């Protein structure tokens, strides 16, 4: 890959999110830092939103 390029593993159009699975074995971050807590909360919120979207799609 050329310098300055970034490649992603995928794109989720429902959440308008790029997917990048690097260092997946270190996720979610451990520890009590504010950053780690925000990332864990973000992961939980994302999972909750995906479930809500799937439920809405199943009802249609």
PDB file of N, CA and C in Angstrom:
ATOM      1  N   UNK A   1       0.851  -1.174   0.000  1.00  0.00           N
ATOM      2  CA  UNK A   1       0.000   0.000   0.000  1.00  0.00           C
ATOM      3  C   UNK A   1       0.896   1.237   0.000  1.00  0.00           C
ATOM      4  N   UNK A   2       0.533   2.210  -0.806  1.00  0.00           N
ATOM      5  CA  UNK A   2       1.306   3.441  -0.886  1.00  0.00           C
ATOM      6  C   UNK A   2       1.148   4.255   0.394  1.00  0.00           C
ATOM      7  N   UNK A   3       2.154   5.053   0.680  1.00  0.00           N
ATOM      8  CA  UNK A   3       2.099   5.934   1.836  1.00  0.00           C
ATOM      9  C   UNK A   3       0.910   6.881   1.706  1.00  0.00           C
ATOM     10  N   UNK A   4       0.188   7.049   2.777  1.00  0.00           N
ATOM     11  CA  UNK A   4      -0.960   7.947   2.776  1.00  0.00           C
ATOM     12  C   UNK A   4      -2.268   7.290   2.399  1.00  0.00           C
ATOM     13  N   UNK A   5      -2.224   6.035   1.964  1.00  0.00           N
ATOM     14  CA  UNK A   5      -3.453   5.312   1.620  1.00  0.00           C
ATOM     15  C   UNK A   5      -4.000   4.600   2.844  1.00  0.00           C
ATOM     16  N   UNK A   6      -5.282   4.409   2.852  1.00  0.00           N
ATOM     17  CA  UNK A   6      -5.941   3.670   3.932  1.00  0.00           C
ATOM     18  C   UNK A   6      -6.937   2.728   3.298  1.00  0.00           C
ATOM     19  N   UNK A   7      -6.876   1.466   3.656  1.00  0.00           N
ATOM     20  CA  UNK A   7      -7.829   0.489   3.135  1.00  0.00           C
ATOM     21  C   UNK A   7      -8.700  -0.002   4.283  1.00  0.00           C
ATOM     22  N   UNK A   8      -9.978  -0.145   3.988  1.00  0.00           N
ATOM     23  CA  UNK A   8     -10.921  -0.616   4.979  1.00  0.00           C
ATOM     24  C   UNK A   8     -11.446  -1.975   4.558  1.00  0.00           C
ATOM     25  N   UNK A   9     -11.958  -2.734   5.524  1.00  0.00           N
ATOM     26  CA  UNK A   9     -12.443  -4.080   5.261  1.00  0.00           C
ATOM     27  C   UNK A   9     -13.870  -4.099   4.729  1.00  0.00           C
ATOM     28  N   UNK A  10     -14.588  -3.023   4.925  1.00  0.00           N
ATOM     29  CA  UNK A  10     -15.962  -3.003   4.454  1.00  0.00           C
ATOM     30  C   UNK A  10     -16.647  -1.694   4.772  1.00  0.00           C
ATOM     31  N   UNK A  11     -17.895  -1.615   4.375  1.00  0.00           N
ATOM     32  CA  UNK A  11     -18.723  -0.431   4.603  1.00  0.00           C
ATOM     33  C   UNK A  11     -20.130  -0.888   4.915  1.00  0.00           C
ATOM     34  N   UNK A  12     -20.715  -0.318   5.964  1.00  0.00           N
ATOM     35  CA  UNK A  12     -22.091  -0.624   6.341  1.00  0.00           C
ATOM     36  C   UNK A  12     -22.962   0.577   6.000  1.00  0.00           C
ATOM     37  N   UNK A  13     -23.742   0.484   4.913  1.00  0.00           N
ATOM     38  CA  UNK A  13     -24.552   1.639   4.515  1.00  0.00           C
ATOM     39  C   UNK A  13     -25.667   1.968   5.507  1.00  0.00           C
ATOM     40  N   UNK A  14     -26.120   0.989   6.282  1.00  0.00           N
ATOM     41  CA  UNK A  14     -27.192   1.263   7.253  1.00  0.00           C
ATOM     42  C   UNK A  14     -26.738   2.216   8.346  1.00  0.00           C
ATOM     43  N   UNK A  15     -25.486   2.097   8.747  1.00  0.00           N
ATOM     44  CA  UNK A  15     -24.971   2.970   9.803  1.00  0.00           C
ATOM     45  C   UNK A  15     -23.968   3.982   9.280  1.00  0.00           C
ATOM     46  N   UNK A  16     -23.721   3.950   7.943  1.00  0.00           N
ATOM     47  CA  UNK A  16     -22.753   4.846   7.311  1.00  0.00           C
ATOM     48  C   UNK A  16     -21.401   4.740   8.010  1.00  0.00           C
ATOM     49  N   UNK A  17     -20.950   3.482   8.203  1.00  0.00           N
ATOM     50  CA  UNK A  17     -19.736   3.211   8.968  1.00  0.00           C
ATOM     51  C   UNK A  17     -18.751   2.393   8.160  1.00  0.00           C
ATOM     52  N   UNK A  18     -17.485   2.809   8.194  1.00  0.00           N
ATOM     53  CA  UNK A  18     -16.427   2.005   7.600  1.00  0.00           C
ATOM     54  C   UNK A  18     -16.039   0.913   8.596  1.00  0.00           C
ATOM     55  N   UNK A  19     -15.747  -0.274   8.090  1.00  0.00           N
ATOM     56  CA  UNK A  19     -15.367  -1.392   8.946  1.00  0.00           C
ATOM     57  C   UNK A  19     -13.885  -1.656   8.786  1.00  0.00           C
ATOM     58  N   UNK A  20     -13.194  -1.762   9.902  1.00  0.00           N
ATOM     59  CA  UNK A  20     -11.761  -2.003   9.895  1.00  0.00           C
ATOM     60  C   UNK A  20     -11.448  -2.965  11.024  1.00  0.00           C
ATOM     61  N   UNK A  21     -11.033  -4.175  10.690  1.00  0.00           N
ATOM     62  CA  UNK A  21     -10.896  -5.211  11.707  1.00  0.00           C
ATOM     63  C   UNK A  21      -9.469  -5.396  12.225  1.00  0.00           C
ATOM     64  N   UNK A  22      -8.607  -4.446  12.015  1.00  0.00           N
ATOM     65  CA  UNK A  22      -7.246  -4.561  12.536  1.00  0.00           C
ATOM     66  C   UNK A  22      -7.266  -4.631  14.062  1.00  0.00           C
ATOM     67  N   UNK A  23      -6.380  -5.421  14.606  1.00  0.00           N
ATOM     68  CA  UNK A  23      -6.241  -5.564  16.066  1.00  0.00           C
ATOM     69  C   UNK A  23      -7.544  -5.984  16.731  1.00  0.00           C
ATOM     70  N   UNK A  24      -8.350  -6.782  16.053  1.00  0.00           N
ATOM     71  CA  UNK A  24      -9.649  -7.187  16.598  1.00  0.00           C
ATOM     72  C   UNK A  24      -9.504  -7.967  17.886  1.00  0.00           C
ATOM     73  N   UNK A  25      -8.356  -8.622  18.097  1.00  0.00           N
ATOM     74  CA  UNK A  25      -8.185  -9.397  19.327  1.00  0.00           C
ATOM     75  C   UNK A  25      -7.924  -8.508  20.537  1.00  0.00           C
ATOM     76  N   UNK A  26      -7.735  -7.226  20.309  1.00  0.00           N
ATOM     77  CA  UNK A  26      -7.521  -6.283  21.418  1.00  0.00           C
ATOM     78  C   UNK A  26      -8.761  -5.415  21.635  1.00  0.00           C
ATOM     79  N   UNK A  27      -9.893  -5.892  21.136  1.00  0.00           N
ATOM     80  CA  UNK A  27     -11.117  -5.093  21.204  1.00  0.00           C
ATOM     81  C   UNK A  27     -12.176  -5.853  21.954  1.00  0.00           C
ATOM     82  N   UNK A  28     -12.955  -5.319  22.797  1.00  0.00           N
ATOM     83  CA  UNK A  28     -12.914  -3.926  23.215  1.00  0.00           C
ATOM     84  C   UNK A  28     -11.749  -3.681  24.165  1.00  0.00           C
ATOM     85  N   UNK A  29     -11.318  -2.443  24.257  1.00  0.00           N
ATOM     86  CA  UNK A  29     -10.172  -2.129  25.109  1.00  0.00           C
ATOM     87  C   UNK A  29     -10.500  -2.374  26.583  1.00  0.00           C
ATOM     88  N   UNK A  30      -9.519  -2.858  27.285  1.00  0.00           N
ATOM     89  CA  UNK A  30      -9.680  -3.081  28.724  1.00  0.00           C
ATOM     90  C   UNK A  30      -9.198  -1.847  29.473  1.00  0.00           C
ATOM     91  N   UNK A  31      -9.534  -1.770  30.728  1.00  0.00           N
ATOM     92  CA  UNK A  31      -9.057  -0.664  31.544  1.00  0.00           C
ATOM     93  C   UNK A  31     -10.169   0.293  31.909  1.00  0.00           C
ATOM     94  N   UNK A  32      -9.822   1.236  32.745  1.00  0.00           N
ATOM     95  CA  UNK A  32     -10.798   2.188  33.259  1.00  0.00           C
ATOM     96  C   UNK A  32     -10.611   3.600  32.721  1.00  0.00           C
ATOM     97  N   UNK A  33      -9.790   3.750  31.700  1.00  0.00           N
ATOM     98  CA  UNK A  33      -9.596   5.096  31.148  1.00  0.00           C
ATOM     99  C   UNK A  33     -10.902   5.564  30.504  1.00  0.00           C
ATOM    100  N   UNK A  34     -11.065   6.864  30.425  1.00  0.00           N
ATOM    101  CA  UNK A  34     -12.257   7.420  29.789  1.00  0.00           C
ATOM    102  C   UNK A  34     -12.370   6.950  28.345  1.00  0.00           C
ATOM    103  N   UNK A  35     -11.233   6.888  27.649  1.00  0.00           N
ATOM    104  CA  UNK A  35     -11.223   6.450  26.254  1.00  0.00           C
ATOM    105  C   UNK A  35     -11.751   5.023  26.141  1.00  0.00           C
ATOM    106  N   UNK A  36     -11.251   4.111  26.990  1.00  0.00           N
ATOM    107  CA  UNK A  36     -11.686   2.709  26.941  1.00  0.00           C
ATOM    108  C   UNK A  36     -13.176   2.593  27.260  1.00  0.00           C
ATOM    109  N   UNK A  37     -13.630   3.341  28.239  1.00  0.00           N
ATOM    110  CA  UNK A  37     -15.052   3.307  28.598  1.00  0.00           C
ATOM    111  C   UNK A  37     -15.926   3.806  27.450  1.00  0.00           C
ATOM    112  N   UNK A  38     -15.491   4.873  26.775  1.00  0.00           N
ATOM    113  CA  UNK A  38     -16.260   5.404  25.639  1.00  0.00           C
ATOM    114  C   UNK A  38     -16.302   4.403  24.492  1.00  0.00           C
ATOM    115  N   UNK A  39     -15.192   3.752  24.223  1.00  0.00           N
ATOM    116  CA  UNK A  39     -15.167   2.761  23.133  1.00  0.00           C
ATOM    117  C   UNK A  39     -16.077   1.583  23.441  1.00  0.00           C
ATOM    118  N   UNK A  40     -16.074   1.115  24.675  1.00  0.00           N
ATOM    119  CA  UNK A  40     -16.966   0.004  25.043  1.00  0.00           C
ATOM    120  C   UNK A  40     -18.415   0.439  24.924  1.00  0.00           C
ATOM    121  N   UNK A  41     -18.730   1.638  25.375  1.00  0.00           N
ATOM    122  CA  UNK A  41     -20.106   2.131  25.279  1.00  0.00           C
ATOM    123  C   UNK A  41     -20.504   2.303  23.825  1.00  0.00           C
ATOM    124  N   UNK A  42     -19.575   2.787  23.004  1.00  0.00           N
ATOM    125  CA  UNK A  42     -19.848   2.946  21.580  1.00  0.00           C
ATOM    126  C   UNK A  42     -20.159   1.592  20.939  1.00  0.00           C
ATOM    127  N   UNK A  43     -19.423   0.564  21.320  1.00  0.00           N
ATOM    128  CA  UNK A  43     -19.648  -0.775  20.779  1.00  0.00           C
ATOM    129  C   UNK A  43     -21.033  -1.285  21.186  1.00  0.00           C
ATOM    130  N   UNK A  44     -21.410  -1.089  22.442  1.00  0.00           N
ATOM    131  CA  UNK A  44     -22.732  -1.522  22.905  1.00  0.00           C
ATOM    132  C   UNK A  44     -23.843  -0.751  22.199  1.00  0.00           C
ATOM    133  N   UNK A  45     -23.665   0.553  22.042  1.00  0.00           N
ATOM    134  CA  UNK A  45     -24.668   1.373  21.353  1.00  0.00           C
ATOM    135  C   UNK A  45     -24.820   0.939  19.896  1.00  0.00           C
ATOM    136  N   UNK A  46     -23.699   0.642  19.253  1.00  0.00           N
ATOM    137  CA  UNK A  46     -23.741   0.202  17.864  1.00  0.00           C
ATOM    138  C   UNK A  46     -24.488  -1.120  17.730  1.00  0.00           C
ATOM    139  N   UNK A  47     -24.221  -2.057  18.639  1.00  0.00           N
ATOM    140  CA  UNK A  47     -24.907  -3.350  18.601  1.00  0.00           C
ATOM    141  C   UNK A  47     -26.407  -3.168  18.830  1.00  0.00           C
ATOM    142  N   UNK A  48     -26.763  -2.295  19.762  1.00  0.00           N
ATOM    143  CA  UNK A  48     -28.175  -2.025  20.035  1.00  0.00           C
ATOM    144  C   UNK A  48     -28.856  -1.424  18.803  1.00  0.00           C
ATOM    145  N   UNK A  49     -28.185  -0.477  18.140  1.00  0.00           N
ATOM    146  CA  UNK A  49     -28.752   0.143  16.946  1.00  0.00           C
ATOM    147  C   UNK A  49     -28.921  -0.864  15.820  1.00  0.00           C
ATOM    148  N   UNK A  50     -27.973  -1.791  15.674  1.00  0.00           N
ATOM    149  CA  UNK A  50     -28.100  -2.819  14.643  1.00  0.00           C
ATOM    150  C   UNK A  50     -29.296  -3.724  14.912  1.00  0.00           C
ATOM    151  N   UNK A  51     -29.523  -4.061  16.179  1.00  0.00           N
ATOM    152  CA  UNK A  51     -30.684  -4.885  16.525  1.00  0.00           C
ATOM    153  C   UNK A  51     -31.989  -4.158  16.233  1.00  0.00           C
ATOM    154  N   UNK A  52     -32.039  -2.877  16.531  1.00  0.00           N
ATOM    155  CA  UNK A  52     -33.237  -2.077  16.257  1.00  0.00           C
ATOM    156  C   UNK A  52     -33.508  -2.037  14.755  1.00  0.00           C
ATOM    157  N   UNK A  53     -32.459  -1.814  13.951  1.00  0.00           N
ATOM    158  CA  UNK A  53     -32.625  -1.787  12.497  1.00  0.00           C
ATOM    159  C   UNK A  53     -33.105  -3.132  11.963  1.00  0.00           C
ATOM    160  N   UNK A  54     -32.542  -4.215  12.475  1.00  0.00           N
ATOM    161  CA  UNK A  54     -32.946  -5.543  12.019  1.00  0.00           C
ATOM    162  C   UNK A  54     -34.398  -5.825  12.376  1.00  0.00           C
ATOM    163  N   UNK A  55     -34.810  -5.403  13.550  1.00  0.00           N
ATOM    164  CA  UNK A  55     -36.197  -5.615  13.967  1.00  0.00           C
ATOM    165  C   UNK A  55     -37.144  -4.841  13.057  1.00  0.00           C
ATOM    166  N   UNK A  56     -36.795  -3.588  12.736  1.00  0.00           N
ATOM    167  CA  UNK A  56     -37.626  -2.783  11.857  1.00  0.00           C
ATOM    168  C   UNK A  56     -37.729  -3.401  10.478  1.00  0.00           C
ATOM    169  N   UNK A  57     -36.601  -3.920   9.969  1.00  0.00           N
ATOM    170  CA  UNK A  57     -36.610  -4.550   8.644  1.00  0.00           C
ATOM    171  C   UNK A  57     -37.447  -5.821   8.650  1.00  0.00           C
ATOM    172  N   UNK A  58     -37.412  -6.567   9.738  1.00  0.00           N
ATOM    173  CA  UNK A  58     -38.176  -7.807   9.817  1.00  0.00           C
ATOM    174  C   UNK A  58     -39.677  -7.525   9.860  1.00  0.00           C
ATOM    175  N   UNK A  59     -40.056  -6.395  10.413  1.00  0.00           N
ATOM    176  CA  UNK A  59     -41.465  -6.043  10.511  1.00  0.00           C
ATOM    177  C   UNK A  59     -42.040  -5.523   9.199  1.00  0.00           C
ATOM    178  N   UNK A  60     -41.180  -5.120   8.294  1.00  0.00           N
ATOM    179  CA  UNK A  60     -41.644  -4.564   7.011  1.00  0.00           C
ATOM    180  C   UNK A  60     -41.833  -5.631   5.971  1.00  0.00           C
TER     181      UNK A  60
END
